[in-house]
Amino acid sequence: MNGVAATGGALDDSGPVVAGGMVFVNSGYAFMGGMPRNVLLAFTVDGR
């Protein structure tokens, strides 16, 4: 959406966070064989 290239990894850490009408999920957890890298995914219902 924002045009920044990113590469996420394993979704094997803490759960998503809901705040301010958005859902935030981190991707990239290099523990116990998980795929490293870091991306913060942010979702909204209305796309803003």
N, C-alpha and C. Protein backbone atom coordinates (compact mmCIF):
# COMPACT_ATOMS: atom_id res chain seq x y z
N MET A 1 0.81 -1.18 0.00
CA MET A 1 0.00 0.00 0.00
C MET A 1 0.86 1.26 0.00
N ASN A 2 1.93 1.26 0.83
CA ASN A 2 2.74 2.46 0.94
C ASN A 2 3.92 2.46 -0.03
N GLY A 3 4.06 1.42 -0.83
CA GLY A 3 5.10 1.39 -1.85
C GLY A 3 6.47 0.98 -1.37
N VAL A 4 6.62 0.65 -0.09
CA VAL A 4 7.91 0.24 0.45
C VAL A 4 8.04 -1.27 0.32
N ALA A 5 9.11 -1.72 -0.32
CA ALA A 5 9.33 -3.16 -0.44
C ALA A 5 9.63 -3.76 0.93
N ALA A 6 9.03 -4.89 1.24
CA ALA A 6 9.24 -5.53 2.54
C ALA A 6 9.16 -7.03 2.37
N THR A 7 9.83 -7.74 3.25
CA THR A 7 9.78 -9.20 3.26
C THR A 7 9.51 -9.65 4.68
N GLY A 8 8.39 -10.28 4.88
CA GLY A 8 8.05 -10.78 6.20
C GLY A 8 8.61 -12.16 6.41
N GLY A 9 8.43 -12.65 7.59
CA GLY A 9 8.93 -13.98 7.93
C GLY A 9 7.86 -14.77 8.65
N ALA A 10 8.27 -15.57 9.62
CA ALA A 10 7.35 -16.42 10.36
C ALA A 10 6.41 -15.60 11.23
N LEU A 11 5.17 -16.04 11.33
CA LEU A 11 4.21 -15.43 12.25
C LEU A 11 4.14 -16.31 13.49
N ASP A 12 5.18 -16.23 14.33
CA ASP A 12 5.30 -17.16 15.45
C ASP A 12 5.67 -16.44 16.73
N ASP A 13 5.12 -15.26 16.93
CA ASP A 13 5.44 -14.48 18.12
C ASP A 13 4.12 -14.14 18.80
N SER A 14 4.09 -13.04 19.48
CA SER A 14 2.86 -12.64 20.17
C SER A 14 1.73 -12.41 19.16
N GLY A 15 0.53 -12.40 19.63
CA GLY A 15 -0.64 -12.25 18.76
C GLY A 15 -0.83 -10.84 18.25
N PRO A 16 -1.85 -10.64 17.43
CA PRO A 16 -2.12 -9.32 16.87
C PRO A 16 -2.58 -8.35 17.95
N VAL A 17 -2.47 -7.05 17.64
CA VAL A 17 -2.90 -5.99 18.54
C VAL A 17 -4.00 -5.21 17.84
N VAL A 18 -5.08 -4.92 18.54
CA VAL A 18 -6.17 -4.11 18.01
C VAL A 18 -6.15 -2.79 18.74
N ALA A 19 -6.04 -1.68 17.99
CA ALA A 19 -5.99 -0.35 18.59
C ALA A 19 -6.41 0.69 17.57
N GLY A 20 -7.22 1.65 17.98
CA GLY A 20 -7.59 2.75 17.12
C GLY A 20 -8.28 2.33 15.83
N GLY A 21 -9.07 1.26 15.87
CA GLY A 21 -9.77 0.79 14.70
C GLY A 21 -8.89 0.05 13.71
N MET A 22 -7.70 -0.36 14.13
CA MET A 22 -6.78 -1.08 13.26
C MET A 22 -6.33 -2.37 13.93
N VAL A 23 -5.85 -3.32 13.12
CA VAL A 23 -5.25 -4.56 13.61
C VAL A 23 -3.80 -4.56 13.14
N PHE A 24 -2.88 -4.74 14.07
CA PHE A 24 -1.45 -4.77 13.78
C PHE A 24 -0.89 -6.16 14.04
N VAL A 25 -0.10 -6.66 13.10
CA VAL A 25 0.52 -7.99 13.22
C VAL A 25 1.98 -7.86 12.82
N ASN A 26 2.87 -8.38 13.64
CA ASN A 26 4.28 -8.38 13.25
C ASN A 26 4.62 -9.69 12.55
N SER A 27 5.52 -9.62 11.60
CA SER A 27 5.93 -10.80 10.85
C SER A 27 7.44 -10.85 10.82
N GLY A 28 8.01 -11.92 11.30
CA GLY A 28 9.45 -12.06 11.33
C GLY A 28 9.92 -12.44 12.71
N TYR A 29 10.11 -13.72 12.94
CA TYR A 29 10.47 -14.21 14.26
C TYR A 29 11.48 -15.33 14.08
N ALA A 30 12.73 -15.06 14.36
CA ALA A 30 13.81 -16.03 14.11
C ALA A 30 14.15 -16.84 15.34
N PHE A 31 13.20 -17.53 15.91
CA PHE A 31 13.43 -18.35 17.08
C PHE A 31 12.91 -19.76 16.78
N MET A 32 13.66 -20.76 17.17
CA MET A 32 13.27 -22.15 16.97
C MET A 32 13.00 -22.46 15.49
N GLY A 33 13.84 -21.94 14.62
CA GLY A 33 13.71 -22.25 13.19
C GLY A 33 12.76 -21.37 12.42
N GLY A 34 12.19 -20.34 13.05
CA GLY A 34 11.28 -19.44 12.34
C GLY A 34 12.04 -18.59 11.32
N MET A 35 11.34 -18.12 10.31
CA MET A 35 11.97 -17.32 9.27
C MET A 35 12.12 -15.88 9.76
N PRO A 36 13.37 -15.37 9.80
CA PRO A 36 13.57 -14.00 10.26
C PRO A 36 13.15 -12.98 9.20
N ARG A 37 13.19 -11.78 9.51
CA ARG A 37 12.87 -10.56 8.75
C ARG A 37 11.82 -9.83 9.57
N ASN A 38 11.58 -8.60 9.23
CA ASN A 38 10.65 -7.81 10.03
C ASN A 38 9.73 -6.99 9.15
N VAL A 39 8.44 -7.15 9.35
CA VAL A 39 7.42 -6.37 8.69
C VAL A 39 6.31 -6.12 9.72
N LEU A 40 5.81 -4.90 9.76
CA LEU A 40 4.64 -4.61 10.58
C LEU A 40 3.47 -4.48 9.63
N LEU A 41 2.50 -5.38 9.76
CA LEU A 41 1.31 -5.36 8.92
C LEU A 41 0.21 -4.61 9.66
N ALA A 42 -0.46 -3.68 8.99
CA ALA A 42 -1.53 -2.91 9.61
C ALA A 42 -2.77 -3.01 8.72
N PHE A 43 -3.88 -3.41 9.30
CA PHE A 43 -5.12 -3.61 8.56
C PHE A 43 -6.23 -2.72 9.12
N THR A 44 -7.08 -2.20 8.24
CA THR A 44 -8.28 -1.47 8.66
C THR A 44 -9.46 -2.00 7.87
N VAL A 45 -10.64 -1.73 8.34
CA VAL A 45 -11.84 -2.14 7.63
C VAL A 45 -12.09 -1.22 6.44
N ASP A 46 -11.87 0.07 6.63
CA ASP A 46 -12.18 1.03 5.56
C ASP A 46 -10.98 1.41 4.70
N GLY A 47 -9.81 0.84 4.95
CA GLY A 47 -8.63 1.09 4.12
C GLY A 47 -7.91 2.40 4.38
N ARG A 48 -8.19 3.07 5.47
CA ARG A 48 -7.51 4.33 5.80
C ARG A 48 -6.51 4.14 6.91
